[in-house]
Amino acid sequence: MARTDIYLKIVIEHDDDDPPGKLADELCRRIEKLYGVRSAEVSNTVTQTNAMPS
């Protein structure tokens, strides 16, 4: 059986009082619940000072 690492970039908008690390941990927990996902981890977070245009 093959094993593949897939790298994702996820951009989310959140309140200033929501810590990015906590949001990232929750995303990992939800991804790990999907069938076939052995593990999920966060390697980095970058907070932008300007909101992205819609």
PDB file of N, CA and C in Angstrom:
ATOM      1  N   MET A   1       0.860  -1.179   0.000  1.00  0.00           N
ATOM      2  CA  MET A   1       0.000   0.000   0.000  1.00  0.00           C
ATOM      3  C   MET A   1       0.902   1.238   0.000  1.00  0.00           C
ATOM      4  N   ALA A   2       0.593   2.181  -0.844  1.00  0.00           N
ATOM      5  CA  ALA A   2       1.359   3.427  -0.922  1.00  0.00           C
ATOM      6  C   ALA A   2       0.934   4.392   0.182  1.00  0.00           C
ATOM      7  N   ARG A   3       1.857   5.267   0.544  1.00  0.00           N
ATOM      8  CA  ARG A   3       1.567   6.313   1.527  1.00  0.00           C
ATOM      9  C   ARG A   3       1.988   7.638   0.908  1.00  0.00           C
ATOM     10  N   THR A   4       1.121   8.630   0.961  1.00  0.00           N
ATOM     11  CA  THR A   4       1.380   9.922   0.337  1.00  0.00           C
ATOM     12  C   THR A   4       1.171  11.035   1.343  1.00  0.00           C
ATOM     13  N   ASP A   5       2.109  11.981   1.395  1.00  0.00           N
ATOM     14  CA  ASP A   5       1.944  13.193   2.204  1.00  0.00           C
ATOM     15  C   ASP A   5       1.321  14.252   1.313  1.00  0.00           C
ATOM     16  N   ILE A   6       0.258  14.880   1.775  1.00  0.00           N
ATOM     17  CA  ILE A   6      -0.425  15.946   1.040  1.00  0.00           C
ATOM     18  C   ILE A   6      -0.343  17.211   1.878  1.00  0.00           C
ATOM     19  N   TYR A   7       0.172  18.271   1.280  1.00  0.00           N
ATOM     20  CA  TYR A   7       0.323  19.537   1.999  1.00  0.00           C
ATOM     21  C   TYR A   7      -0.772  20.488   1.549  1.00  0.00           C
ATOM     22  N   LEU A   8      -1.498  21.036   2.520  1.00  0.00           N
ATOM     23  CA  LEU A   8      -2.610  21.935   2.247  1.00  0.00           C
ATOM     24  C   LEU A   8      -2.317  23.315   2.809  1.00  0.00           C
ATOM     25  N   LYS A   9      -2.801  24.322   2.134  1.00  0.00           N
ATOM     26  CA  LYS A   9      -2.798  25.675   2.679  1.00  0.00           C
ATOM     27  C   LYS A   9      -4.255  26.040   2.893  1.00  0.00           C
ATOM     28  N   ILE A  10      -4.599  26.380   4.109  1.00  0.00           N
ATOM     29  CA  ILE A  10      -5.974  26.706   4.461  1.00  0.00           C
ATOM     30  C   ILE A  10      -5.990  28.131   4.996  1.00  0.00           C
ATOM     31  N   VAL A  11      -6.820  28.966   4.402  1.00  0.00           N
ATOM     32  CA  VAL A  11      -6.961  30.356   4.846  1.00  0.00           C
ATOM     33  C   VAL A  11      -8.339  30.490   5.484  1.00  0.00           C
ATOM     34  N   ILE A  12      -8.364  30.951   6.742  1.00  0.00           N
ATOM     35  CA  ILE A  12      -9.638  31.141   7.435  1.00  0.00           C
ATOM     36  C   ILE A  12      -9.697  32.551   8.001  1.00  0.00           C
ATOM     37  N   GLU A  13     -10.902  33.042   8.124  1.00  0.00           N
ATOM     38  CA  GLU A  13     -11.134  34.307   8.812  1.00  0.00           C
ATOM     39  C   GLU A  13     -11.663  33.964  10.197  1.00  0.00           C
ATOM     40  N   HIS A  14     -11.157  34.662  11.205  1.00  0.00           N
ATOM     41  CA  HIS A  14     -11.565  34.368  12.572  1.00  0.00           C
ATOM     42  C   HIS A  14     -11.517  35.646  13.399  1.00  0.00           C
ATOM     43  N   ASP A  15     -12.195  35.595  14.532  1.00  0.00           N
ATOM     44  CA  ASP A  15     -12.187  36.725  15.459  1.00  0.00           C
ATOM     45  C   ASP A  15     -10.788  36.892  16.048  1.00  0.00           C
ATOM     46  N   ASP A  16     -10.476  38.116  16.433  1.00  0.00           N
ATOM     47  CA  ASP A  16      -9.165  38.394  17.028  1.00  0.00           C
ATOM     48  C   ASP A  16      -8.921  37.594  18.307  1.00  0.00           C
ATOM     49  N   ASP A  17      -9.989  37.248  19.022  1.00  0.00           N
ATOM     50  CA  ASP A  17      -9.818  36.519  20.280  1.00  0.00           C
ATOM     51  C   ASP A  17      -9.742  35.005  20.100  1.00  0.00           C
ATOM     52  N   ASP A  18      -9.855  34.501  18.857  1.00  0.00           N
ATOM     53  CA  ASP A  18      -9.695  33.075  18.575  1.00  0.00           C
ATOM     54  C   ASP A  18      -8.225  32.794  18.275  1.00  0.00           C
ATOM     55  N   PRO A  19      -7.535  32.048  19.153  1.00  0.00           N
ATOM     56  CA  PRO A  19      -6.125  31.767  18.908  1.00  0.00           C
ATOM     57  C   PRO A  19      -5.946  30.862  17.690  1.00  0.00           C
ATOM     58  N   PRO A  20      -5.078  31.233  16.745  1.00  0.00           N
ATOM     59  CA  PRO A  20      -4.862  30.421  15.539  1.00  0.00           C
ATOM     60  C   PRO A  20      -4.437  28.986  15.858  1.00  0.00           C
ATOM     61  N   GLY A  21      -3.644  28.790  16.898  1.00  0.00           N
ATOM     62  CA  GLY A  21      -3.217  27.436  17.257  1.00  0.00           C
ATOM     63  C   GLY A  21      -4.377  26.543  17.632  1.00  0.00           C
ATOM     64  N   LYS A  22      -5.330  27.099  18.357  1.00  0.00           N
ATOM     65  CA  LYS A  22      -6.513  26.328  18.755  1.00  0.00           C
ATOM     66  C   LYS A  22      -7.353  25.961  17.526  1.00  0.00           C
ATOM     67  N   LEU A  23      -7.495  26.906  16.608  1.00  0.00           N
ATOM     68  CA  LEU A  23      -8.233  26.636  15.376  1.00  0.00           C
ATOM     69  C   LEU A  23      -7.531  25.552  14.546  1.00  0.00           C
ATOM     70  N   ALA A  24      -6.206  25.637  14.473  1.00  0.00           N
ATOM     71  CA  ALA A  24      -5.426  24.651  13.717  1.00  0.00           C
ATOM     72  C   ALA A  24      -5.565  23.256  14.327  1.00  0.00           C
ATOM     73  N   ASP A  25      -5.518  23.171  15.650  1.00  0.00           N
ATOM     74  CA  ASP A  25      -5.681  21.883  16.327  1.00  0.00           C
ATOM     75  C   ASP A  25      -7.054  21.277  16.034  1.00  0.00           C
ATOM     76  N   GLU A  26      -8.079  22.115  16.033  1.00  0.00           N
ATOM     77  CA  GLU A  26      -9.429  21.626  15.744  1.00  0.00           C
ATOM     78  C   GLU A  26      -9.533  21.136  14.306  1.00  0.00           C
ATOM     79  N   LEU A  27      -8.915  21.841  13.368  1.00  0.00           N
ATOM     80  CA  LEU A  27      -8.903  21.380  11.972  1.00  0.00           C
ATOM     81  C   LEU A  27      -8.235  20.014  11.862  1.00  0.00           C
ATOM     82  N   CYS A  28      -7.114  19.827  12.545  1.00  0.00           N
ATOM     83  CA  CYS A  28      -6.428  18.533  12.527  1.00  0.00           C
ATOM     84  C   CYS A  28      -7.318  17.425  13.076  1.00  0.00           C
ATOM     85  N   ARG A  29      -7.972  17.681  14.190  1.00  0.00           N
ATOM     86  CA  ARG A  29      -8.859  16.665  14.784  1.00  0.00           C
ATOM     87  C   ARG A  29      -9.955  16.265  13.797  1.00  0.00           C
ATOM     88  N   ARG A  30     -10.515  17.233  13.123  1.00  0.00           N
ATOM     89  CA  ARG A  30     -11.605  16.920  12.175  1.00  0.00           C
ATOM     90  C   ARG A  30     -11.101  16.184  10.947  1.00  0.00           C
ATOM     91  N   ILE A  31      -9.935  16.551  10.465  1.00  0.00           N
ATOM     92  CA  ILE A  31      -9.358  15.858   9.302  1.00  0.00           C
ATOM     93  C   ILE A  31      -9.025  14.410   9.649  1.00  0.00           C
ATOM     94  N   GLU A  32      -8.504  14.180  10.861  1.00  0.00           N
ATOM     95  CA  GLU A  32      -8.151  12.823  11.276  1.00  0.00           C
ATOM     96  C   GLU A  32      -9.364  11.907  11.361  1.00  0.00           C
ATOM     97  N   LYS A  33     -10.555  12.463  11.526  1.00  0.00           N
ATOM     98  CA  LYS A  33     -11.764  11.651  11.589  1.00  0.00           C
ATOM     99  C   LYS A  33     -12.162  11.103  10.216  1.00  0.00           C
ATOM    100  N   LEU A  34     -11.638  11.700   9.162  1.00  0.00           N
ATOM    101  CA  LEU A  34     -11.975  11.239   7.823  1.00  0.00           C
ATOM    102  C   LEU A  34     -11.344   9.882   7.540  1.00  0.00           C
ATOM    103  N   TYR A  35     -12.006   9.100   6.747  1.00  0.00           N
ATOM    104  CA  TYR A  35     -11.517   7.771   6.391  1.00  0.00           C
ATOM    105  C   TYR A  35     -10.164   7.856   5.686  1.00  0.00           C
ATOM    106  N   GLY A  36      -9.220   7.069   6.130  1.00  0.00           N
ATOM    107  CA  GLY A  36      -7.925   6.972   5.468  1.00  0.00           C
ATOM    108  C   GLY A  36      -6.877   7.973   5.929  1.00  0.00           C
ATOM    109  N   VAL A  37      -7.226   8.905   6.804  1.00  0.00           N
ATOM    110  CA  VAL A  37      -6.245   9.883   7.275  1.00  0.00           C
ATOM    111  C   VAL A  37      -5.572   9.310   8.519  1.00  0.00           C
ATOM    112  N   ARG A  38      -4.284   9.021   8.388  1.00  0.00           N
ATOM    113  CA  ARG A  38      -3.533   8.429   9.503  1.00  0.00           C
ATOM    114  C   ARG A  38      -3.144   9.471  10.532  1.00  0.00           C
ATOM    115  N   SER A  39      -2.759  10.659  10.065  1.00  0.00           N
ATOM    116  CA  SER A  39      -2.398  11.721  10.994  1.00  0.00           C
ATOM    117  C   SER A  39      -2.489  13.059  10.285  1.00  0.00           C
ATOM    118  N   ALA A  40      -2.670  14.100  11.058  1.00  0.00           N
ATOM    119  CA  ALA A  40      -2.694  15.473  10.535  1.00  0.00           C
ATOM    120  C   ALA A  40      -1.926  16.326  11.531  1.00  0.00           C
ATOM    121  N   GLU A  41      -1.130  17.253  11.038  1.00  0.00           N
ATOM    122  CA  GLU A  41      -0.363  18.115  11.923  1.00  0.00           C
ATOM    123  C   GLU A  41      -0.223  19.497  11.319  1.00  0.00           C
ATOM    124  N   VAL A  42       0.041  20.455  12.172  1.00  0.00           N
ATOM    125  CA  VAL A  42       0.272  21.836  11.740  1.00  0.00           C
ATOM    126  C   VAL A  42       1.770  22.082  11.796  1.00  0.00           C
ATOM    127  N   SER A  43       2.334  22.569  10.703  1.00  0.00           N
ATOM    128  CA  SER A  43       3.759  22.864  10.691  1.00  0.00           C
ATOM    129  C   SER A  43       4.035  24.352  10.877  1.00  0.00           C
ATOM    130  N   ASN A  44       3.032  25.191  10.618  1.00  0.00           N
ATOM    131  CA  ASN A  44       3.247  26.627  10.710  1.00  0.00           C
ATOM    132  C   ASN A  44       1.906  27.345  10.671  1.00  0.00           C
ATOM    133  N   THR A  45       1.831  28.505  11.305  1.00  0.00           N
ATOM    134  CA  THR A  45       0.694  29.413  11.138  1.00  0.00           C
ATOM    135  C   THR A  45       1.242  30.814  10.881  1.00  0.00           C
ATOM    136  N   VAL A  46       0.585  31.532   9.992  1.00  0.00           N
ATOM    137  CA  VAL A  46       0.963  32.891   9.668  1.00  0.00           C
ATOM    138  C   VAL A  46      -0.290  33.735   9.756  1.00  0.00           C
ATOM    139  N   THR A  47      -0.283  34.743  10.610  1.00  0.00           N
ATOM    140  CA  THR A  47      -1.432  35.632  10.748  1.00  0.00           C
ATOM    141  C   THR A  47      -1.188  36.880   9.933  1.00  0.00           C
ATOM    142  N   GLN A  48      -2.115  37.163   9.036  1.00  0.00           N
ATOM    143  CA  GLN A  48      -2.025  38.352   8.185  1.00  0.00           C
ATOM    144  C   GLN A  48      -2.632  39.536   8.938  1.00  0.00           C
ATOM    145  N   THR A  49      -2.047  40.708   8.782  1.00  0.00           N
ATOM    146  CA  THR A  49      -2.586  41.870   9.453  1.00  0.00           C
ATOM    147  C   THR A  49      -3.754  42.489   8.697  1.00  0.00           C
ATOM    148  N   ASN A  50      -3.839  42.263   7.403  1.00  0.00           N
ATOM    149  CA  ASN A  50      -4.942  42.789   6.592  1.00  0.00           C
ATOM    150  C   ASN A  50      -5.836  41.626   6.186  1.00  0.00           C
ATOM    151  N   ALA A  51      -7.133  41.834   6.267  1.00  0.00           N
ATOM    152  CA  ALA A  51      -8.083  40.810   5.841  1.00  0.00           C
ATOM    153  C   ALA A  51      -8.009  40.664   4.334  1.00  0.00           C
ATOM    154  N   MET A  52      -8.196  39.418   3.879  1.00  0.00           N
ATOM    155  CA  MET A  52      -8.178  39.146   2.442  1.00  0.00           C
ATOM    156  C   MET A  52      -9.451  39.700   1.811  1.00  0.00           C
ATOM    157  N   PRO A  53      -9.367  40.214   0.589  1.00  0.00           N
ATOM    158  CA  PRO A  53     -10.578  40.699  -0.082  1.00  0.00           C
ATOM    159  C   PRO A  53     -11.520  39.542  -0.416  1.00  0.00           C
ATOM    160  N   SER A  54     -12.790  39.799  -0.379  1.00  0.00           N
ATOM    161  CA  SER A  54     -13.791  38.771  -0.669  1.00  0.00           C
ATOM    162  C   SER A  54     -13.965  38.575  -2.152  1.00  0.00           C
TER     163      SER A  54
END
